[in-house]
Amino acid sequence: MTRKIIREAIQIMDKSIQIERIANMEDLFDELLQKDSEDINIKDERIPYWCEIWASAIGLSMFIIENKTLFGDKSVIEIGAGLGLPGITASWYAPAVTITDYIEEAVQFSKRNWLLNHQQGEATFETLDWRHLEDNQKKFDIVMASDVAYERAGFDSLLNGLKKLLNPGGYILLSEPNRYLGKLFLEKIADEKLVLLNKTYTVDLYQKQHAITVYQLFVA
């Protein structure tokens, strides 16, 4: 299938960020549905949500810009990055950023989007599934994710993955569109005795307004 690519300028505070994405996402759904039931993409329900620009990614990017001094000497990883918007934003302020997704095509799009916005600096792009991390997994000072708590069955693996990726004394940045399942995950985090700080942003995206809350989480 031919990928129809469009480029958009996303204005976030003082940054105009160039993002390329697939315009014909419906065709990707059709391509997925045509696969055999034993195909890993079907068994793992790899729905191509990654090729959309999501309000939660913009809200997280707003937090990053507003709190740029937090990133000055930190190693940063974004998980479930999709098109890579928060990771791209963090790259202006952090010395090293790793941008990941468990779908390879998403990783490639995040890389091309990073190159659209950065002529210098350091970034690493990796295929990473937070459900299956090694015990010796590399750790980071800041772990970022936007809109990833969308399946109750995956709460434990998400929380374990976040902890495995985090350096002692580091923190997690998690953005949520205030869905019911997201609130349930945050309640679980509270049960794990993580300390929560939060701020809600109004995100204008495609002529709609979204209330996006960004949580700064410290491992107790």
Protein backbone atom coordinates (compact mmCIF):
# COMPACT_ATOMS: atom_id res chain seq x y z
CA MET A 1 0.00 0.00 0.00
CA THR A 2 1.26 3.48 -0.88
CA ARG A 3 1.65 5.73 2.13
CA LYS A 4 0.16 9.19 1.58
CA ILE A 5 2.32 11.56 3.61
CA ILE A 6 1.33 15.04 4.74
CA ARG A 7 3.41 17.57 6.66
CA GLU A 8 1.98 19.90 9.29
CA ALA A 9 3.40 22.70 11.42
CA ILE A 10 2.25 22.23 15.03
CA GLN A 11 2.50 25.46 17.00
CA ILE A 12 3.24 24.76 20.67
CA MET A 13 3.95 27.90 22.68
CA ASP A 14 7.10 29.40 21.13
CA LYS A 15 7.88 26.35 18.96
CA SER A 16 6.64 25.57 15.47
CA ILE A 17 7.28 21.84 15.08
CA GLN A 18 7.20 20.15 11.69
CA ILE A 19 5.48 16.76 11.73
CA GLU A 20 5.00 14.31 8.88
CA ARG A 21 2.30 11.69 9.23
CA ILE A 22 0.30 9.22 7.15
CA ALA A 23 -2.84 10.82 5.75
CA ASN A 24 -4.66 7.61 4.80
CA MET A 25 -4.87 5.94 8.23
CA GLU A 26 -8.09 4.16 7.20
CA ASP A 27 -6.08 2.25 4.59
CA LEU A 28 -3.72 1.10 7.34
CA PHE A 29 -6.72 -0.27 9.24
CA ASP A 30 -7.86 -2.11 6.10
CA GLU A 31 -4.34 -3.47 5.61
CA LEU A 32 -4.35 -4.76 9.20
CA LEU A 33 -7.75 -6.42 8.84
CA GLN A 34 -6.59 -8.31 5.76
CA LYS A 35 -3.84 -10.09 7.67
CA ASP A 36 -4.11 -13.70 8.80
CA SER A 37 -5.49 -14.30 12.31
CA GLU A 38 -2.11 -15.75 13.34
CA ASP A 39 -0.18 -12.67 12.20
CA ILE A 40 1.56 -10.93 15.10
CA ASN A 41 -0.05 -7.64 14.12
CA ILE A 42 -3.51 -9.18 14.60
CA LYS A 43 -2.71 -11.22 17.71
CA ASP A 44 -1.07 -8.20 19.34
CA GLU A 45 -3.80 -5.79 18.14
CA ARG A 46 -1.29 -3.39 16.57
CA ILE A 47 -3.86 -0.78 15.58
CA PRO A 48 -2.13 2.12 13.80
CA TYR A 49 -2.96 4.78 16.38
CA TRP A 50 0.68 5.86 16.12
CA CYS A 51 0.13 7.76 12.86
CA GLU A 52 -2.18 10.38 14.40
CA ILE A 53 -1.23 13.59 16.18
CA TRP A 54 -2.81 13.29 19.64
CA ALA A 55 -3.76 16.09 21.99
CA SER A 56 -1.98 14.31 24.87
CA ALA A 57 1.34 14.55 22.98
CA ILE A 58 0.80 18.29 22.53
CA GLY A 59 -0.11 18.72 26.21
CA LEU A 60 3.06 16.89 27.27
CA SER A 61 5.10 19.05 24.88
CA MET A 62 3.57 22.17 26.46
CA PHE A 63 4.73 20.96 29.88
CA ILE A 64 8.23 20.31 28.52
CA ILE A 65 8.55 23.81 27.08
CA GLU A 66 7.14 25.39 30.23
CA ASN A 67 9.54 23.39 32.42
CA LYS A 68 12.59 23.32 30.16
CA THR A 69 15.03 23.75 33.04
CA LEU A 70 14.10 20.27 34.31
CA PHE A 71 15.81 18.73 31.27
CA GLY A 72 19.18 20.49 31.25
CA ASP A 73 21.37 17.62 32.47
CA LYS A 74 18.96 14.69 32.16
CA SER A 75 18.82 11.54 30.04
CA VAL A 76 15.32 11.22 28.59
CA ILE A 77 13.30 8.42 27.00
CA GLU A 78 9.86 8.61 25.39
CA ILE A 79 7.91 5.34 25.18
CA GLY A 80 4.97 4.72 22.86
CA ALA A 81 6.19 7.75 20.97
CA GLY A 82 4.21 7.37 17.75
CA LEU A 83 5.23 10.40 15.66
CA GLY A 84 7.66 11.49 18.38
CA LEU A 85 6.35 14.96 19.23
CA PRO A 86 7.28 15.11 22.97
CA GLY A 87 10.68 13.54 22.32
CA ILE A 88 11.36 16.07 19.57
CA THR A 89 10.37 18.87 21.94
CA ALA A 90 12.58 17.57 24.75
CA SER A 91 15.53 17.43 22.33
CA TRP A 92 15.79 21.23 22.46
CA TYR A 93 16.55 21.10 26.18
CA ALA A 94 18.00 17.69 27.11
CA PRO A 95 21.53 16.57 26.17
CA ALA A 96 20.33 13.12 25.02
CA VAL A 97 16.88 11.80 24.12
CA THR A 98 15.83 8.26 23.21
CA ILE A 99 12.57 8.00 21.24
CA THR A 100 10.87 4.58 21.14
CA ASP A 101 7.79 2.73 20.02
CA TYR A 102 7.07 -0.98 19.68
CA ILE A 103 6.05 -0.54 16.03
CA GLU A 104 9.03 -0.10 13.73
CA GLU A 105 7.25 2.15 11.24
CA ALA A 106 6.40 4.56 14.07
CA VAL A 107 10.08 4.67 15.06
CA GLN A 108 11.03 5.54 11.48
CA PHE A 109 8.47 8.36 11.37
CA SER A 110 9.67 9.77 14.68
CA LYS A 111 13.22 9.78 13.29
CA ARG A 112 12.27 11.60 10.10
CA ASN A 113 10.25 14.10 12.17
CA TRP A 114 13.20 14.70 14.49
CA LEU A 115 15.39 15.41 11.44
CA LEU A 116 12.83 17.92 10.17
CA ASN A 117 13.29 19.95 13.34
CA HIS A 118 16.91 19.41 14.42
CA GLN A 119 20.07 19.97 12.45
CA GLN A 120 22.28 19.18 15.43
CA GLY A 121 22.06 17.49 18.81
CA GLU A 122 21.76 13.89 19.87
CA ALA A 123 18.83 11.49 19.67
CA THR A 124 18.50 7.71 19.57
CA PHE A 125 15.60 5.82 17.99
CA GLU A 126 14.72 2.29 19.10
CA THR A 127 11.99 -0.29 18.82
CA LEU A 128 10.98 -0.95 22.43
CA ASP A 129 8.07 -2.83 24.01
CA TRP A 130 7.66 -1.81 27.66
CA ARG A 131 5.85 -5.10 28.35
CA HIS A 132 9.01 -7.10 27.69
CA LEU A 133 12.02 -5.34 29.18
CA GLU A 134 15.17 -7.06 30.34
CA ASP A 135 16.24 -6.82 33.98
CA ASN A 136 19.40 -5.05 32.82
CA GLN A 137 17.43 -2.51 30.76
CA LYS A 138 19.17 0.85 30.36
CA LYS A 139 17.69 3.44 32.72
CA PHE A 140 16.92 7.14 32.27
CA ASP A 141 16.45 10.21 34.44
CA ILE A 142 13.12 11.10 32.82
CA VAL A 143 10.61 8.65 31.31
CA MET A 144 7.87 10.26 29.20
CA ALA A 145 4.63 8.82 27.81
CA SER A 146 1.43 10.31 26.44
CA ASP A 147 -1.97 8.59 26.43
CA VAL A 148 -0.64 5.07 27.09
CA ALA A 149 -3.02 3.91 29.86
CA TYR A 150 -5.85 2.84 27.57
CA GLU A 151 -6.18 -0.86 28.47
CA ARG A 152 -6.86 -2.09 32.00
CA ALA A 153 -5.18 -5.44 31.31
CA GLY A 154 -1.93 -3.65 30.55
CA PHE A 155 -1.73 -1.54 33.74
CA ASP A 156 0.68 -3.83 35.59
CA SER A 157 3.08 -4.19 32.67
CA LEU A 158 2.98 -0.44 32.04
CA LEU A 159 3.78 0.40 35.64
CA ASN A 160 6.53 -2.24 35.80
CA GLY A 161 7.97 -0.98 32.53
CA LEU A 162 8.05 2.61 33.76
CA LYS A 163 9.87 1.53 36.92
CA LYS A 164 12.41 -0.59 35.00
CA LEU A 165 13.26 2.36 32.77
CA LEU A 166 13.67 4.91 35.57
CA ASN A 167 16.91 5.84 37.29
CA PRO A 168 16.78 6.17 41.10
CA GLY A 169 15.75 9.73 41.85
CA GLY A 170 14.31 10.18 38.39
CA TYR A 171 10.75 10.96 37.48
CA ILE A 172 7.99 10.04 35.05
CA LEU A 173 6.03 12.50 32.91
CA LEU A 174 2.65 11.07 31.94
CA SER A 175 -0.01 12.97 29.97
CA GLU A 176 -3.65 11.86 29.91
CA PRO A 177 -6.85 13.12 28.23
CA ASN A 178 -8.78 12.41 31.44
CA ARG A 179 -10.42 9.24 30.18
CA TYR A 180 -11.96 6.83 32.68
CA LEU A 181 -9.26 4.18 32.16
CA GLY A 182 -6.52 6.74 32.56
CA LYS A 183 -8.00 7.77 35.90
CA LEU A 184 -8.04 4.12 36.98
CA PHE A 185 -4.35 3.80 36.16
CA LEU A 186 -3.56 6.91 38.16
CA GLU A 187 -5.47 5.46 41.11
CA LYS A 188 -3.27 2.36 40.81
CA ILE A 189 -0.17 4.53 40.81
CA ALA A 190 -1.44 6.22 43.96
CA ASP A 191 -1.77 2.76 45.50
CA GLU A 192 1.89 2.18 44.58
CA LYS A 193 2.72 5.24 46.71
CA LEU A 194 4.01 7.38 43.89
CA VAL A 195 3.79 11.11 44.56
CA LEU A 196 1.74 12.99 41.95
CA LEU A 197 2.04 16.59 40.82
CA ASN A 198 -0.19 17.62 37.94
CA LYS A 199 -1.19 20.47 35.65
CA THR A 200 -4.03 20.60 33.11
CA TYR A 201 -3.57 22.28 29.73
CA THR A 202 -6.15 23.29 27.16
CA VAL A 203 -5.04 21.93 23.79
CA ASP A 204 -6.56 23.22 20.55
CA LEU A 205 -6.29 20.53 17.89
CA TYR A 206 -8.19 20.50 14.59
CA GLN A 207 -10.72 23.06 15.85
CA LYS A 208 -11.49 21.10 19.01
CA GLN A 209 -10.40 21.79 22.56
CA HIS A 210 -9.05 19.03 24.80
CA ALA A 211 -8.25 19.12 28.52
CA ILE A 212 -4.93 17.29 28.92
CA THR A 213 -3.42 16.66 32.34
CA VAL A 214 0.32 16.11 32.72
CA TYR A 215 1.45 14.21 35.82
CA GLN A 216 4.96 14.40 37.22
CA LEU A 217 5.51 11.18 39.12
CA PHE A 218 8.33 10.41 41.53
CA VAL A 219 9.11 6.90 42.71
CA ALA A 220 8.65 6.90 46.49
